[in-house]
C-alpha atoms as a PDB file:
ATOM      1  CA  MET A   1      29.375  -5.472 -20.029  1.00  0.00           C
ATOM      2  CA  SER A   2      28.329  -3.532 -17.072  1.00  0.00           C
ATOM      3  CA  ASN A   3      28.986  -4.774 -13.775  1.00  0.00           C
ATOM      4  CA  GLU A   4      25.742  -3.503 -12.478  1.00  0.00           C
ATOM      5  CA  ARG A   5      22.913  -6.070 -11.011  1.00  0.00           C
ATOM      6  CA  GLU A   6      19.603  -5.745 -11.190  1.00  0.00           C
ATOM      7  CA  LEU A   7      16.605  -7.398  -9.570  1.00  0.00           C
ATOM      8  CA  ALA A   8      14.824  -9.992 -11.090  1.00  0.00           C
ATOM      9  CA  LYS A   9      11.692  -8.658 -12.787  1.00  0.00           C
ATOM     10  CA  ASP A  10       9.410 -11.764 -12.585  1.00  0.00           C
ATOM     11  CA  LEU A  11       5.942 -10.121 -11.586  1.00  0.00           C
ATOM     12  CA  GLY A  12       3.643 -10.156 -14.536  1.00  0.00           C
ATOM     13  CA  LEU A  13       0.703  -7.980 -15.026  1.00  0.00           C
ATOM     14  CA  MET A  14      -1.236 -10.329 -13.062  1.00  0.00           C
ATOM     15  CA  ALA A  15       0.748 -10.427 -10.223  1.00  0.00           C
ATOM     16  CA  ALA A  16       1.265  -6.584  -9.957  1.00  0.00           C
ATOM     17  CA  LEU A  17      -2.489  -6.175 -10.248  1.00  0.00           C
ATOM     18  CA  THR A  18      -3.310  -8.574  -7.080  1.00  0.00           C
ATOM     19  CA  ILE A  19      -0.767  -7.037  -4.998  1.00  0.00           C
ATOM     20  CA  GLY A  20      -2.273  -3.595  -5.509  1.00  0.00           C
ATOM     21  CA  VAL A  21      -5.909  -5.028  -5.682  1.00  0.00           C
ATOM     22  CA  GLY A  22      -5.159  -6.926  -2.138  1.00  0.00           C
ATOM     23  CA  THR A  23      -3.908  -3.703  -0.595  1.00  0.00           C
ATOM     24  CA  MET A  24      -6.962  -1.678  -1.537  1.00  0.00           C
ATOM     25  CA  ILE A  25      -9.537  -4.317  -0.702  1.00  0.00           C
ATOM     26  CA  GLY A  26      -7.895  -5.147   2.704  1.00  0.00           C
ATOM     27  CA  ALA A  27      -7.909  -1.488   4.118  1.00  0.00           C
ATOM     28  CA  GLY A  28     -10.510   0.092   1.650  1.00  0.00           C
ATOM     29  CA  ILE A  29     -13.358  -2.562   1.650  1.00  0.00           C
ATOM     30  CA  PHE A  30     -13.068  -4.709   4.700  1.00  0.00           C
ATOM     31  CA  VAL A  31     -11.612  -2.722   7.742  1.00  0.00           C
ATOM     32  CA  LEU A  32     -11.825   1.144   7.100  1.00  0.00           C
ATOM     33  CA  PRO A  33     -15.730   1.672   5.899  1.00  0.00           C
ATOM     34  CA  ALA A  34     -17.325   0.889   9.310  1.00  0.00           C
ATOM     35  CA  ALA A  35     -14.999   3.402  11.349  1.00  0.00           C
ATOM     36  CA  ALA A  36     -15.496   5.592   8.697  1.00  0.00           C
ATOM     37  CA  ALA A  37     -19.189   5.321   8.721  1.00  0.00           C
ATOM     38  CA  ALA A  38     -19.423   5.640  12.439  1.00  0.00           C
ATOM     39  CA  SER A  39     -17.310   8.970  12.466  1.00  0.00           C
ATOM     40  CA  ALA A  40     -18.573  10.667   9.127  1.00  0.00           C
ATOM     41  CA  GLY A  41     -21.856   9.071   8.466  1.00  0.00           C
ATOM     42  CA  PRO A  42     -22.876   9.788   4.672  1.00  0.00           C
ATOM     43  CA  ALA A  43     -20.132  11.840   4.153  1.00  0.00           C
ATOM     44  CA  ALA A  44     -18.130   8.709   4.576  1.00  0.00           C
ATOM     45  CA  ALA A  45     -18.867   7.897   0.887  1.00  0.00           C
ATOM     46  CA  ILE A  46     -17.696  11.421  -0.361  1.00  0.00           C
ATOM     47  CA  ALA A  47     -14.355  10.899   1.412  1.00  0.00           C
ATOM     48  CA  PHE A  48     -13.713   7.462  -0.224  1.00  0.00           C
ATOM     49  CA  VAL A  49     -14.337   9.340  -3.305  1.00  0.00           C
ATOM     50  CA  VAL A  50     -11.994  12.420  -2.763  1.00  0.00           C
ATOM     51  CA  ALA A  51      -9.505   9.926  -1.591  1.00  0.00           C
ATOM     52  CA  GLY A  52      -9.440   8.107  -4.851  1.00  0.00           C
ATOM     53  CA  PHE A  53      -9.249  10.646  -6.769  1.00  0.00           C
ATOM     54  CA  ILE A  54      -6.141  12.251  -4.986  1.00  0.00           C
ATOM     55  CA  ALA A  55      -4.859   8.420  -5.132  1.00  0.00           C
ATOM     56  CA  LEU A  56      -5.320   8.838  -8.928  1.00  0.00           C
ATOM     57  CA  PHE A  57      -2.741  11.559  -8.994  1.00  0.00           C
ATOM     58  CA  THR A  58      -0.292   9.331  -7.317  1.00  0.00           C
ATOM     59  CA  ALA A  59      -1.247   6.238  -9.275  1.00  0.00           C
ATOM     60  CA  LEU A  60      -0.740   8.221 -12.544  1.00  0.00           C
ATOM     61  CA  SER A  61       2.943   9.696 -11.096  1.00  0.00           C
ATOM     62  CA  ILE A  62       4.357   6.429 -10.157  1.00  0.00           C
ATOM     63  CA  SER A  63       3.278   4.978 -13.791  1.00  0.00           C
ATOM     64  CA  GLU A  64       4.889   7.741 -15.654  1.00  0.00           C
ATOM     65  CA  LEU A  65       8.157   7.354 -13.420  1.00  0.00           C
ATOM     66  CA  GLY A  66       7.793   3.472 -14.375  1.00  0.00           C
ATOM     67  CA  THR A  67       7.784   3.990 -17.956  1.00  0.00           C
ATOM     68  CA  ALA A  68      10.392   6.756 -17.863  1.00  0.00           C
ATOM     69  CA  MET A  69      12.756   4.517 -15.992  1.00  0.00           C
ATOM     70  CA  PRO A  70      11.874   1.053 -16.384  1.00  0.00           C
ATOM     71  CA  LYS A  71      14.039  -0.547 -13.483  1.00  0.00           C
ATOM     72  CA  ALA A  72      13.551  -2.550 -10.483  1.00  0.00           C
ATOM     73  CA  GLY A  73      12.944  -0.965  -7.152  1.00  0.00           C
ATOM     74  CA  GLY A  74      10.220   1.280  -7.494  1.00  0.00           C
ATOM     75  CA  ALA A  75      10.262   4.460  -5.370  1.00  0.00           C
ATOM     76  CA  TYR A  76      13.405   3.767  -3.930  1.00  0.00           C
ATOM     77  CA  PHE A  77      15.264   3.780  -7.287  1.00  0.00           C
ATOM     78  CA  TYR A  78      13.540   6.979  -8.548  1.00  0.00           C
ATOM     79  CA  ILE A  79      14.238   8.928  -5.242  1.00  0.00           C
ATOM     80  CA  ASN A  80      17.880   7.335  -5.154  1.00  0.00           C
ATOM     81  CA  ASP A  81      18.602   8.459  -8.477  1.00  0.00           C
ATOM     82  CA  SER A  82      17.198  11.978  -8.416  1.00  0.00           C
ATOM     83  CA  LEU A  83      18.006  12.803  -4.603  1.00  0.00           C
ATOM     84  CA  GLY A  84      20.772  10.619  -3.581  1.00  0.00           C
ATOM     85  CA  PRO A  85      21.500   7.499  -1.534  1.00  0.00           C
ATOM     86  CA  LEU A  86      20.681   8.958   1.770  1.00  0.00           C
ATOM     87  CA  PHE A  87      17.120  10.240   0.599  1.00  0.00           C
ATOM     88  CA  GLY A  88      16.636   6.766  -1.470  1.00  0.00           C
ATOM     89  CA  SER A  89      17.662   4.833   1.945  1.00  0.00           C
ATOM     90  CA  VAL A  90      15.088   6.776   3.882  1.00  0.00           C
ATOM     91  CA  ALA A  91      12.295   6.137   0.964  1.00  0.00           C
ATOM     92  CA  GLY A  92      12.976   2.556   1.145  1.00  0.00           C
ATOM     93  CA  TRP A  93      12.881   2.057   4.729  1.00  0.00           C
ATOM     94  CA  GLY A  94       9.490   4.127   4.587  1.00  0.00           C
ATOM     95  CA  ASN A  95       8.082   2.070   2.210  1.00  0.00           C
ATOM     96  CA  TRP A  96       8.807  -1.150   4.224  1.00  0.00           C
ATOM     97  CA  LEU A  97       7.537   0.173   7.379  1.00  0.00           C
ATOM     98  CA  GLY A  98       4.245   1.554   5.752  1.00  0.00           C
ATOM     99  CA  LEU A  99       3.817  -2.062   4.382  1.00  0.00           C
ATOM    100  CA  VAL A 100       4.429  -3.385   7.969  1.00  0.00           C
ATOM    101  CA  PHE A 101       1.958  -0.990   9.554  1.00  0.00           C
ATOM    102  CA  ALA A 102      -0.355  -1.586   7.039  1.00  0.00           C
ATOM    103  CA  THR A 103      -0.196  -5.162   7.793  1.00  0.00           C
ATOM    104  CA  ALA A 104      -0.798  -4.747  11.153  1.00  0.00           C
ATOM    105  CA  PHE A 105      -3.731  -2.613  10.631  1.00  0.00           C
ATOM    106  CA  TYR A 106      -5.410  -5.376   8.226  1.00  0.00           C
ATOM    107  CA  LEU A 107      -4.714  -7.893  11.196  1.00  0.00           C
ATOM    108  CA  ILE A 108      -6.221  -6.321  13.550  1.00  0.00           C
ATOM    109  CA  GLY A 109      -9.369  -5.816  11.498  1.00  0.00           C
ATOM    110  CA  PHE A 110      -9.442  -9.170  10.021  1.00  0.00           C
ATOM    111  CA  GLY A 111      -9.083 -10.110  13.903  1.00  0.00           C
ATOM    112  CA  SER A 112     -12.184  -8.234  14.951  1.00  0.00           C
ATOM    113  CA  TYR A 113     -14.161  -9.825  12.296  1.00  0.00           C
ATOM    114  CA  LEU A 114     -12.804 -13.241  13.478  1.00  0.00           C
ATOM    115  CA  THR A 115     -14.164 -12.416  17.140  1.00  0.00           C
ATOM    116  CA  ILE A 116     -17.633 -12.219  15.610  1.00  0.00           C
ATOM    117  CA  LEU A 117     -17.552 -15.272  13.425  1.00  0.00           C
ATOM    118  CA  LEU A 118     -15.619 -17.622  16.092  1.00  0.00           C
ATOM    119  CA  PRO A 119     -15.418 -17.774  20.033  1.00  0.00           C
ATOM    120  CA  VAL A 120     -12.055 -16.424  20.615  1.00  0.00           C
ATOM    121  CA  PRO A 121     -10.522 -16.182  24.139  1.00  0.00           C
ATOM    122  CA  GLU A 122      -9.793 -12.152  25.109  1.00  0.00           C
ATOM    123  CA  LEU A 123      -5.920 -12.302  26.055  1.00  0.00           C
ATOM    124  CA  PHE A 124      -4.622  -8.784  26.616  1.00  0.00           C
ATOM    125  CA  PHE A 125      -8.099  -6.836  26.920  1.00  0.00           C
END
């Protein structure tokens, strides 16, 4: 019996789907379109299609890796297994920092919507 421990694989299809869809909805639908339309005008729709096409390649690559190496850990595991623990650690921290900054981006976007709906006092600006 191996001494290697693995993370619990408790996420089902619905949980994984809601995490992915929630991320896309948070940035792609609620926060980003107004800024994109203000900067690019009608070309913003084309930019969303191009970005979706590029994201499709990333999704297909990750799904292929997940099928080939069904281990918990995602990108950290794939990079750690192929390039070593230093690059795996950098990828893990990068993923975590990306989620932190994405959450901050969502909070700023939803905060701006909240100021439209409710009288929120300005504390810092």
